[in-house]
Protein backbone atom coordinates (compact mmCIF):
# COMPACT_ATOMS: atom_id res chain seq x y z
CA MET A 1 -123.88 35.52 123.35
CA THR A 2 -120.34 33.29 122.81
CA HIS A 3 -119.94 31.78 119.53
CA PRO A 4 -119.23 28.13 119.50
CA LYS A 5 -116.64 28.46 117.17
CA LYS A 6 -114.74 31.03 119.60
CA LEU A 7 -115.04 28.69 122.20
CA ALA A 8 -113.20 26.08 120.82
CA ALA A 9 -110.06 28.51 119.27
CA ASN A 10 -109.93 29.96 122.98
CA LYS A 11 -109.56 26.25 124.31
CA SER A 12 -106.08 25.44 125.55
CA GLU A 13 -104.26 22.62 123.87
CA PRO A 14 -103.73 19.15 126.40
CA SER A 15 -101.17 19.43 128.69
CA ALA A 16 -98.55 16.68 128.23
CA LYS A 17 -99.44 14.95 130.76
CA GLU A 18 -102.85 14.89 130.42
CA ARG A 19 -102.09 13.27 127.10
CA ASN A 20 -100.28 10.97 128.71
CA GLN A 21 -103.33 9.52 130.57
CA ARG A 22 -106.59 7.39 130.01
CA GLY A 23 -110.10 8.06 130.56
CA ARG A 24 -110.32 11.41 133.66
CA MET A 25 -107.72 12.34 136.15
CA ASP A 26 -108.54 12.55 139.49
CA GLY A 27 -105.94 14.81 141.47
CA GLY A 28 -102.08 13.18 141.28
CA VAL A 29 -104.46 9.30 140.55
CA MET A 30 -104.62 8.57 136.28
CA PHE A 31 -104.07 5.62 134.01
CA PRO A 32 -100.84 6.46 132.63
CA VAL A 33 -100.17 5.51 128.75
CA ALA A 34 -96.56 5.43 127.62
CA SER A 35 -96.23 7.80 124.29
CA PRO A 36 -96.50 7.55 120.95
CA ALA A 37 -93.26 5.89 119.25
CA GLY A 38 -93.04 8.56 116.58
CA ASP A 39 -92.54 11.22 120.09
CA MET A 40 -90.26 9.96 121.04
CA PRO A 41 -86.20 11.39 120.12
CA ALA A 42 -84.60 10.27 116.87
CA ASP A 43 -81.92 7.95 118.84
CA TYR A 44 -84.79 6.66 120.72
CA VAL A 45 -84.95 2.89 118.30
CA ALA A 46 -80.98 2.40 118.62
CA TRP A 47 -80.41 2.83 122.64
CA PHE A 48 -83.86 0.47 123.57
CA ALA A 49 -82.27 -2.38 120.83
CA ASP A 50 -79.31 -1.59 123.07
CA ILE A 51 -80.77 -1.82 126.32
CA LYS A 52 -82.65 -5.07 124.47
CA ASN A 53 -79.75 -6.89 123.66
CA ARG A 54 -78.05 -6.73 126.98
CA ILE A 55 -81.15 -8.26 128.67
CA ARG A 56 -80.91 -11.07 126.97
CA GLY A 57 -77.95 -11.75 126.54
CA GLU A 58 -77.57 -11.78 130.58
CA ARG A 59 -80.72 -13.68 130.46
CA LEU A 60 -79.10 -16.67 128.64
CA ARG A 61 -76.14 -15.98 130.59
CA LEU A 62 -78.30 -17.13 133.71
CA VAL A 63 -80.37 -19.38 132.18
CA LEU A 64 -76.76 -21.34 130.96
CA ALA A 65 -74.98 -20.56 134.40
CA SER A 66 -78.60 -22.00 136.63
CA ASN A 67 -77.89 -25.38 133.70
CA SER A 68 -74.27 -25.85 135.02
CA VAL A 69 -75.68 -25.22 138.80
CA MET A 70 -78.05 -28.30 137.69
CA VAL A 71 -75.79 -30.50 135.85
CA MET A 72 -73.30 -30.18 138.98
CA LEU A 73 -76.00 -30.78 141.50
CA TYR A 74 -77.16 -33.81 139.71
CA TRP A 75 -74.07 -35.37 139.59
CA ASP A 76 -73.29 -34.40 143.15
CA ILE A 77 -76.24 -36.30 144.24
CA GLY A 78 -75.70 -39.13 141.44
CA GLN A 79 -72.23 -39.40 143.27
CA ARG A 80 -73.25 -39.79 146.70
CA ILE A 81 -75.88 -42.80 145.64
CA LEU A 82 -72.94 -44.39 143.90
CA HIS A 83 -70.61 -44.25 147.23
CA LYS A 84 -73.01 -44.96 149.73
CA GLN A 85 -74.38 -48.37 147.75
CA ALA A 86 -70.32 -49.15 147.12
CA GLU A 87 -69.89 -48.21 150.99
CA GLN A 88 -72.66 -50.40 152.55
CA GLY A 89 -74.57 -51.87 150.03
CA TYR A 90 -77.11 -49.33 149.38
CA GLY A 91 -79.93 -51.34 146.95
CA THR A 92 -82.66 -49.96 144.71
CA LYS A 93 -84.88 -49.33 147.42
CA VAL A 94 -83.34 -46.56 149.29
CA ILE A 95 -82.92 -44.77 145.71
CA ASP A 96 -87.06 -45.03 146.31
CA ARG A 97 -86.67 -43.29 149.45
CA LEU A 98 -84.75 -41.12 148.69
CA ALA A 99 -87.04 -39.86 145.61
CA VAL A 100 -90.07 -39.19 148.38
CA ASP A 101 -88.08 -37.37 151.19
CA LEU A 102 -86.35 -34.85 148.81
CA SER A 103 -89.85 -34.43 146.28
CA GLN A 104 -91.01 -33.32 150.07
CA ALA A 105 -88.69 -31.25 151.73
CA PHE A 106 -88.36 -29.20 148.39
CA PRO A 107 -91.49 -28.86 146.84
CA ASP A 108 -91.14 -26.36 143.96
CA MET A 109 -88.45 -28.27 142.24
CA LYS A 110 -88.70 -31.06 140.22
CA GLY A 111 -86.08 -33.53 139.03
CA PHE A 112 -86.26 -36.00 142.44
CA SER A 113 -87.89 -38.72 140.77
CA PRO A 114 -86.99 -42.16 141.60
CA ARG A 115 -86.02 -42.36 137.92
CA ASN A 116 -84.92 -39.56 137.63
CA LEU A 117 -82.05 -40.46 141.11
CA LYS A 118 -81.31 -43.78 138.83
CA TYR A 119 -79.98 -41.24 135.89
CA MET A 120 -77.91 -38.80 138.02
CA ARG A 121 -76.25 -42.65 138.93
CA ALA A 122 -75.31 -43.43 135.55
CA PHE A 123 -74.07 -40.11 134.75
CA ALA A 124 -71.84 -39.75 137.82
CA SER A 125 -70.86 -43.45 137.04
CA ALA A 126 -70.03 -42.47 133.28
CA TRP A 127 -68.29 -38.99 134.28
CA PRO A 128 -66.13 -39.62 137.45
CA ASP A 129 -63.64 -36.75 136.93
CA ARG A 130 -65.33 -33.23 138.11
CA GLU A 131 -62.99 -31.38 135.58
CA VAL A 132 -63.98 -32.98 133.17
CA VAL A 133 -68.32 -32.40 133.78
CA GLN A 134 -68.10 -28.61 134.95
CA ALA A 135 -65.79 -28.04 131.86
CA SER A 136 -67.93 -29.87 129.11
CA LEU A 137 -70.19 -31.44 130.72
CA ALA A 138 -72.08 -28.52 132.06
CA GLN A 139 -72.02 -26.63 129.35
CA VAL A 140 -75.29 -28.48 127.43
CA THR A 141 -78.73 -29.47 129.12
CA TRP A 142 -79.41 -32.34 131.61
CA TYR A 143 -81.61 -33.55 128.57
CA HIS A 144 -78.40 -33.70 126.47
CA ASN A 145 -76.31 -35.06 128.56
CA LEU A 146 -79.29 -37.75 128.56
CA THR A 147 -78.55 -38.35 124.89
CA LEU A 148 -75.43 -38.53 125.46
CA LEU A 149 -75.33 -41.38 128.08
CA GLU A 150 -78.18 -43.32 126.53
CA LYS A 151 -77.37 -42.93 122.17
CA LEU A 152 -72.97 -43.15 122.49
CA SER A 153 -71.38 -45.56 124.56
CA THR A 154 -67.39 -44.18 124.84
CA ALA A 155 -66.53 -41.09 126.88
CA GLU A 156 -64.61 -40.13 123.42
CA ASP A 157 -67.84 -40.07 121.77
CA ARG A 158 -69.89 -38.34 123.93
CA LEU A 159 -67.49 -35.68 124.78
CA TRP A 160 -67.34 -34.82 120.98
CA TYR A 161 -71.17 -34.34 120.24
CA ALA A 162 -71.03 -31.78 124.07
CA ALA A 163 -68.31 -29.77 122.54
CA LYS A 164 -70.61 -30.15 118.70
CA THR A 165 -73.29 -29.31 121.11
CA VAL A 166 -72.18 -26.02 122.14
CA GLU A 167 -70.14 -24.51 119.35
CA HIS A 168 -73.46 -25.27 117.31
CA GLY A 169 -76.38 -24.67 119.65
CA TRP A 170 -77.11 -28.20 118.53
CA SER A 171 -81.61 -28.64 120.30
CA ARG A 172 -81.74 -31.36 122.17
CA ASN A 173 -83.89 -33.19 118.96
CA ILE A 174 -80.38 -31.59 115.80
CA LEU A 175 -78.06 -33.35 118.61
CA VAL A 176 -80.12 -36.31 118.56
CA VAL A 177 -80.64 -36.84 115.02
CA GLN A 178 -76.43 -35.61 114.64
CA ILE A 179 -75.91 -38.66 116.67
CA ASP A 180 -78.49 -40.88 113.90
CA GLY A 181 -76.46 -40.29 111.27
CA ARG A 182 -73.13 -40.68 112.64
CA SER A 183 -71.44 -36.89 112.26
CA HIS A 184 -68.17 -37.70 114.22
CA LEU A 185 -67.52 -40.91 111.94
CA ARG A 186 -67.89 -37.78 108.69
CA HIS A 187 -66.83 -34.72 109.91
CA GLY A 188 -63.51 -33.98 108.46
CA LYS A 189 -62.99 -37.52 106.00
CA ALA A 190 -63.45 -36.18 103.06
CA GLN A 191 -60.75 -36.50 100.34
CA ASN A 192 -58.84 -32.65 99.23
CA ASN A 193 -56.06 -30.91 98.00
CA PHE A 194 -56.65 -28.19 100.19
CA PRO A 195 -52.90 -28.89 102.50
CA ALA A 196 -51.72 -28.08 98.81
CA THR A 197 -53.57 -24.67 97.91
CA LEU A 198 -54.44 -23.07 101.09
CA LEU A 199 -52.57 -21.70 103.95
CA PRO A 200 -52.42 -23.67 106.98
CA PRO A 201 -54.71 -22.08 109.06
CA ASP A 202 -57.86 -21.97 106.26
CA SER A 203 -56.27 -25.26 105.14
CA ASP A 204 -57.19 -26.83 108.73
CA MET A 205 -60.08 -24.90 109.33
CA ALA A 206 -61.54 -25.96 105.60
CA VAL A 207 -60.82 -29.47 106.08
CA GLN A 208 -63.08 -29.63 109.18
CA VAL A 209 -65.98 -27.64 107.78
CA PHE A 210 -66.58 -30.85 104.76
CA LYS A 211 -67.90 -34.61 105.44
CA ASP A 212 -67.94 -38.00 103.93
CA PRO A 213 -70.00 -39.15 102.96
CA TYR A 214 -73.29 -36.95 103.08
CA LEU A 215 -76.56 -38.05 104.18
CA PHE A 216 -79.41 -37.11 102.37
CA ASP A 217 -82.28 -39.20 104.26
CA PHE A 218 -84.72 -36.72 103.65
CA LEU A 219 -84.71 -37.93 99.34
CA GLY A 220 -85.91 -41.31 100.77
CA THR A 221 -84.52 -44.82 100.21
CA ASP A 222 -84.87 -44.20 95.93
CA ALA A 223 -81.58 -42.49 95.39
CA PRO A 224 -82.69 -39.91 92.08
CA ARG A 225 -80.88 -40.99 89.24
CA ARG A 226 -80.24 -37.43 87.13
CA GLU A 227 -78.58 -33.95 88.50
CA GLN A 228 -81.17 -32.29 89.02
CA GLN A 229 -83.57 -34.91 90.24
CA LEU A 230 -80.84 -34.86 93.02
CA GLU A 231 -80.73 -30.82 93.08
CA GLN A 232 -84.71 -30.13 93.21
CA GLY A 233 -84.91 -32.55 95.94
CA LEU A 234 -82.30 -31.09 97.85
CA ILE A 235 -84.08 -27.46 96.97
CA ASP A 236 -87.31 -28.90 98.18
CA HIS A 237 -85.30 -29.55 101.43
CA ILE A 238 -83.20 -27.11 102.10
CA GLN A 239 -83.45 -26.28 105.47
CA LYS A 240 -82.75 -30.30 106.24
CA PHE A 241 -80.15 -29.42 103.45
CA LEU A 242 -77.97 -27.34 105.24
CA LEU A 243 -78.15 -29.09 108.59
CA GLU A 244 -76.68 -31.85 106.58
CA LEU A 245 -73.73 -28.77 105.85
CA ASP A 246 -73.87 -27.56 108.99
CA GLN A 247 -73.52 -24.52 110.91
CA GLY A 248 -72.16 -21.33 108.54
CA PHE A 249 -73.53 -22.27 104.87
CA ALA A 250 -75.02 -19.53 103.82
CA PHE A 251 -77.29 -19.98 100.24
CA VAL A 252 -76.60 -18.04 97.46
CA GLY A 253 -78.53 -20.04 94.34
CA ARG A 254 -78.93 -22.73 92.39
CA GLN A 255 -78.20 -22.23 88.70
CA VAL A 256 -76.22 -20.23 89.44
CA HIS A 257 -75.90 -18.20 85.17
CA LEU A 258 -72.81 -18.07 83.78
CA GLU A 259 -72.00 -16.64 80.15
CA ILE A 260 -67.18 -17.02 78.95
CA GLY A 261 -67.82 -15.67 75.68
CA ASP A 262 -70.24 -17.09 73.85
CA ASP A 263 -70.81 -20.41 76.31
CA ASP A 264 -73.23 -20.63 78.69
CA PHE A 265 -72.98 -22.49 82.44
CA TYR A 266 -74.20 -22.69 85.92
CA LEU A 267 -73.26 -23.28 88.69
CA ASP A 268 -75.66 -26.15 90.29
CA LEU A 269 -75.08 -24.51 93.60
CA LEU A 270 -73.99 -21.94 95.23
CA PHE A 271 -73.03 -21.05 99.17
CA TYR A 272 -70.89 -18.00 101.56
CA HIS A 273 -69.31 -19.87 104.66
CA LEU A 274 -70.07 -17.41 107.17
CA LYS A 275 -67.14 -18.50 109.61
CA LEU A 276 -64.75 -18.76 106.26
CA ARG A 277 -65.31 -16.08 104.81
CA CYS A 278 -65.54 -17.41 101.22
CA TYR A 279 -67.61 -18.72 98.35
CA VAL A 280 -68.34 -21.98 97.84
CA VAL A 281 -69.43 -24.16 95.36
CA ILE A 282 -70.73 -27.18 95.39
CA GLU A 283 -71.55 -29.90 91.88
CA LEU A 284 -74.08 -32.63 92.29
CA LYS A 285 -73.37 -36.00 90.48
CA ALA A 286 -75.81 -38.83 90.60
CA ARG A 287 -72.53 -40.81 89.19
CA ARG A 288 -69.33 -42.45 89.78
CA PHE A 289 -66.45 -39.67 89.91
CA GLU A 290 -64.85 -39.27 87.08
CA PRO A 291 -61.02 -37.38 86.36
CA GLY A 292 -63.15 -34.33 84.82
CA ASP A 293 -65.25 -33.10 87.29
CA GLY A 294 -62.47 -31.09 89.23
CA ALA A 295 -61.68 -29.56 86.43
CA GLN A 296 -65.18 -28.35 85.71
CA LEU A 297 -65.60 -27.35 88.39
CA GLY A 298 -62.58 -25.56 88.74
CA MET A 299 -63.36 -23.37 86.50
CA TYR A 300 -66.42 -22.10 88.07
CA MET A 301 -64.53 -21.34 91.06
CA THR A 302 -62.11 -18.84 89.01
CA ALA A 303 -65.08 -17.42 87.80
CA VAL A 304 -66.40 -16.57 91.36
CA ASN A 305 -62.92 -15.88 92.22
CA ARG A 306 -63.42 -13.10 90.05
CA LEU A 307 -66.58 -12.02 90.16
CA LEU A 308 -68.10 -12.58 92.66
CA ALA A 309 -66.02 -12.21 95.51
CA HIS A 310 -65.20 -9.28 97.62
CA PRO A 311 -61.30 -8.47 97.84
CA ASP A 312 -61.01 -9.84 101.51
CA ASP A 313 -62.76 -13.03 101.05
CA LYS A 314 -60.75 -16.26 101.12
CA PRO A 315 -59.95 -18.64 97.96
CA THR A 316 -63.47 -20.04 96.68
CA LEU A 317 -63.78 -23.90 97.59
CA GLY A 318 -65.08 -26.73 96.00
CA LEU A 319 -67.20 -29.80 96.88
CA LEU A 320 -67.93 -32.02 94.76
CA LEU A 321 -71.01 -34.37 96.01
CA VAL A 322 -70.19 -37.75 93.66
CA ARG A 323 -72.86 -41.32 94.40
CA GLU A 324 -69.64 -42.81 94.28
CA LYS A 325 -65.12 -42.84 94.48
CA ASN A 326 -62.94 -44.24 93.75
CA ARG A 327 -60.42 -43.30 96.63
CA VAL A 328 -56.80 -43.29 94.28
CA LEU A 329 -58.63 -41.74 91.35
CA VAL A 330 -59.68 -38.73 93.54
CA GLU A 331 -56.33 -38.47 95.09
CA TYR A 332 -54.79 -38.82 91.53
CA ALA A 333 -57.31 -36.17 89.74
CA LEU A 334 -56.92 -33.64 92.50
CA ALA A 335 -53.19 -33.29 92.94
CA GLY A 336 -52.84 -31.80 89.19
CA SER A 337 -55.25 -28.93 90.89
CA THR A 338 -54.76 -25.79 92.06
CA HIS A 339 -57.96 -25.26 93.64
CA PRO A 340 -59.17 -26.21 96.63
CA ILE A 341 -61.83 -28.81 96.33
CA SER A 342 -63.03 -31.44 98.59
CA VAL A 343 -64.60 -34.99 96.70
CA ALA A 344 -67.43 -36.13 98.78
CA GLU A 345 -70.19 -39.18 98.25
CA TRP A 346 -73.61 -38.86 99.34
CA GLU A 347 -76.07 -41.10 99.87
CA THR A 348 -79.88 -41.34 100.99
CA GLN A 349 -78.97 -44.15 104.23
CA LEU A 350 -76.42 -45.23 106.34
CA THR A 351 -75.80 -49.00 107.73
CA ARG A 352 -75.34 -48.82 110.35
CA ALA A 353 -75.43 -50.37 114.13
CA LEU A 354 -75.69 -48.41 117.01
CA PRO A 355 -74.57 -49.39 121.07
CA GLN A 356 -77.12 -51.07 122.44
CA GLU A 357 -75.53 -51.19 125.60
CA LEU A 358 -77.76 -49.03 127.44
CA GLU A 359 -80.81 -49.66 126.21
CA GLY A 360 -83.65 -51.19 128.30
CA SER A 361 -81.40 -50.29 131.43
CA LEU A 362 -82.45 -46.91 131.58
CA PRO A 363 -85.55 -44.59 131.42
CA THR A 364 -85.93 -43.23 128.04
CA ILE A 365 -85.45 -38.81 127.43
CA GLU A 366 -88.96 -38.50 127.11
CA GLN A 367 -89.70 -40.22 130.49
CA ILE A 368 -87.75 -38.11 131.90
CA GLU A 369 -88.84 -34.89 129.71
CA ALA A 370 -92.39 -35.58 131.58
CA GLU A 371 -91.40 -35.63 134.79
CA LEU A 372 -88.62 -32.50 134.44
CA SER A 373 -91.53 -30.04 133.86
CA GLY A 374 -90.54 -27.72 136.73
CA GLU A 375 -88.34 -24.53 136.60
CA PHE A 376 -85.82 -25.67 134.17
CA GLY A 377 -87.94 -27.97 132.04
CA GLY A 378 -89.03 -25.76 129.30
CA ARG A 379 -85.50 -23.91 128.66
CA ASN A 380 -83.91 -27.35 127.04
CA GLU A 381 -85.69 -27.81 123.64
C-alpha cells in the first residue's frame, strides 16, 4: 500500500495553464484568470503605466475633438436658423417644429430641444465669424459657452475667459466663480517693480501671475482685523485660497522659521510657482501699506534665495497683501528696492453690478444641462 505522503510527493506541480484558470478544465474550455502581479516581469509596471497614459491621452483628445465638433455643429444650426428667419421671417414656431423633427430624425442624440435651439441661435448671433468660433470657443465645452453667453456682454471678455479656461482647465463651476469675481479686471493689475528687477521675459510673465485686488470672500464679509486671523482663515480655506491665487502656486509652508543671528523671524506664507520656477513669499497685512513693509519682505526673499532656492530657480518673488494702499506711496517705496515685489489689496467682498442684458431672455445654464444629458452631457463639468 502506497503511503499518503509518498502520493503527495509524487504528484506533479500544476502547469502554468492550470494555475491560470478557475475550477476544472474541460478540454480547451476554462475560466481564465490573470496571473498574480508578483509573477510579472520587473518592467511590467512601467510598461503598463505607459500604455495607460497613452490611452488616457487619446481618450482626452477624442473627447475634446468630439466636443469641438458638437460646438461647431450647434453654431452651424444657429446660423441656419438666423438666415432663415432673416430671409423669410420665420418666427419661434419654426424652432418648435424643428426641435420635434430633429428629435425624431436623430432619437439617439440629445440637445435638440426648443430651448437649446434658441441658445444655438443666440450663440451664432453673438459670434458671426466662424474662424473665431473654431479657433477659440470650440476649444471649450458647450456648457462653458452657455456660461460665457449668459454672464458676459462683450466679445472681448468672453474670449478672455475662454482662453483662460483652455489654459487652466477650468470646469464650468470654476468659470462661474472667476466671472463673478471679475478676474479679467484684476489679473495683471497689482503694482510691482518687476520691469526694473527682472529680465523682460520673466518680468512679463510675473506681471500676469498677480492680481489686484485679491478676493477672499470665503472669509465672510466681516474682514479679519489681525494678521494672525487672516492667515488662519486662508489656511483653513487653502483650496479656495489656491484657486484665488490661480494655477501654478504650490503651498510650501506657513510661519516658516528663519534665524538670523540671535533673532527669530517667521515668513507668513511660502509658495513655489511651478510655471515661473521660483519661490513666492507672501506677507499679510490687515492694515494700510507702510513703506517699511517692503524692506522686511525683501529680507525674507534674500534668505529664500540664498538658503532654499535651487541654483536653477529664478529669483524669488514677493507678494505683499494689504488692506489698503496709496498707489503713489507704493510706487515710491518699490522704486528703491532691488527685490521683485508686488503689492496688492485684499477684499472680502467686491462691489459690482454685472451686465444683465441677457438675463431673462434666455434659459438658464441649469435648464440646458438638464436637457443635455446624453452623450456629451456627462463630460462637461
